[in-house]
Amino acid sequence: PPSRSKKQQLLAHCNGDAAAEQYIGQFEKALSKRTDKDLHRAVMVHAQLVRKDQLQRMAAIGMIPSFFVAHTYYWGDIHLQRRYR
């Protein structure tokens, strides 16, 4: 297992704002216990579904959003149908 002293970059797939909230919230919690907050460079894969407030929180903790821009083309209509029923 890697040493705790080594910096590990965490990449996580988060499909939807609830999954994004869990990732952001847990990362904020973990960072609150550390002094070297600027060294982690966590990445959220599929960040195209985050809310504006979540994107702002990600920026504040240095979390990198990765957007699957074609997602809207393939799945946008389905998300709208499910959200606005």
Protein backbone atom coordinates (compact mmCIF):
# COMPACT_ATOMS: atom_id res chain seq x y z
CA PRO A 1 0.00 0.00 0.00
CA PRO A 2 1.20 3.56 -0.70
CA SER A 3 2.67 5.59 2.10
CA ARG A 4 0.42 8.28 3.60
CA SER A 5 3.21 10.79 2.95
CA LYS A 6 2.93 10.34 -0.84
CA LYS A 7 0.55 12.59 -2.70
CA GLN A 8 -2.10 10.64 -4.58
CA GLN A 9 -4.34 12.26 -7.17
CA LEU A 10 -7.95 11.14 -6.85
CA LEU A 11 -10.18 10.92 -9.95
CA ALA A 12 -13.83 10.02 -9.43
CA HIS A 13 -16.76 9.62 -11.81
CA CYS A 14 -19.74 11.59 -10.53
CA ASN A 15 -22.86 11.25 -12.66
CA GLY A 16 -25.37 13.73 -11.28
CA ASP A 17 -25.46 16.54 -8.76
CA ALA A 18 -26.06 14.19 -5.78
CA ALA A 19 -22.93 12.15 -6.58
CA ALA A 20 -21.03 15.40 -7.08
CA GLU A 21 -22.26 16.64 -3.70
CA GLN A 22 -20.98 13.51 -1.97
CA TYR A 23 -17.55 13.80 -3.59
CA ILE A 24 -17.19 17.53 -2.92
CA GLY A 25 -18.46 17.23 0.65
CA GLN A 26 -16.15 14.35 1.54
CA PHE A 27 -13.18 16.03 -0.09
CA GLU A 28 -13.90 19.25 1.81
CA LYS A 29 -14.07 17.22 5.01
CA ALA A 30 -10.78 15.47 4.28
CA LEU A 31 -9.04 18.74 3.40
CA SER A 32 -10.24 20.37 6.62
CA LYS A 33 -7.97 17.95 8.49
CA ARG A 34 -4.87 18.62 6.38
CA THR A 35 -2.41 21.50 6.10
CA ASP A 36 -1.20 20.77 2.53
CA LYS A 37 -4.50 21.49 0.79
CA ASP A 38 -2.99 22.70 -2.49
CA LEU A 39 -1.23 19.48 -3.45
CA HIS A 40 -4.05 17.05 -4.18
CA ARG A 41 -5.51 18.14 -7.54
CA ALA A 42 -8.61 15.96 -7.25
CA VAL A 43 -10.56 15.50 -10.48
CA MET A 44 -14.30 15.06 -10.92
CA VAL A 45 -15.03 13.15 -14.11
CA HIS A 46 -18.44 13.86 -15.71
CA ALA A 47 -18.74 17.23 -14.00
CA GLN A 48 -21.14 18.45 -16.69
CA LEU A 49 -24.06 17.89 -14.31
CA VAL A 50 -22.78 19.92 -11.35
CA ARG A 51 -24.69 22.94 -10.14
CA LYS A 52 -23.17 26.42 -10.20
CA ASP A 53 -22.72 26.44 -6.40
CA GLN A 54 -20.93 23.09 -6.57
CA LEU A 55 -18.61 24.36 -9.29
CA GLN A 56 -17.76 27.34 -7.07
CA ARG A 57 -16.98 25.01 -4.13
CA MET A 58 -14.82 22.86 -6.40
CA ALA A 59 -12.82 25.93 -7.42
CA ALA A 60 -12.37 26.90 -3.77
CA ILE A 61 -10.78 23.53 -2.91
CA GLY A 62 -8.80 23.17 -6.13
CA MET A 63 -10.89 20.31 -7.51
CA ILE A 64 -10.59 19.99 -11.28
CA PRO A 65 -13.82 19.46 -13.26
CA SER A 66 -13.63 17.21 -16.31
CA PHE A 67 -16.55 17.77 -18.66
CA PHE A 68 -17.88 15.16 -21.09
CA VAL A 69 -19.26 17.74 -23.50
CA ALA A 70 -20.89 15.16 -25.79
CA HIS A 71 -22.95 13.98 -22.82
CA THR A 72 -25.53 16.68 -23.49
CA TYR A 73 -25.93 15.56 -27.09
CA TYR A 74 -26.47 11.91 -26.15
CA TRP A 75 -28.31 12.21 -22.83
CA GLY A 76 -29.63 15.78 -22.50
CA ASP A 77 -33.21 15.02 -23.62
CA ILE A 78 -33.43 12.07 -21.25
CA HIS A 79 -32.27 14.17 -18.29
CA LEU A 80 -34.83 16.85 -19.12
CA GLN A 81 -37.62 14.26 -19.37
CA ARG A 82 -36.73 12.74 -15.99
CA ARG A 83 -36.27 16.05 -14.21
CA TYR A 84 -39.39 17.84 -15.41
CA ARG A 85 -42.04 15.11 -15.30
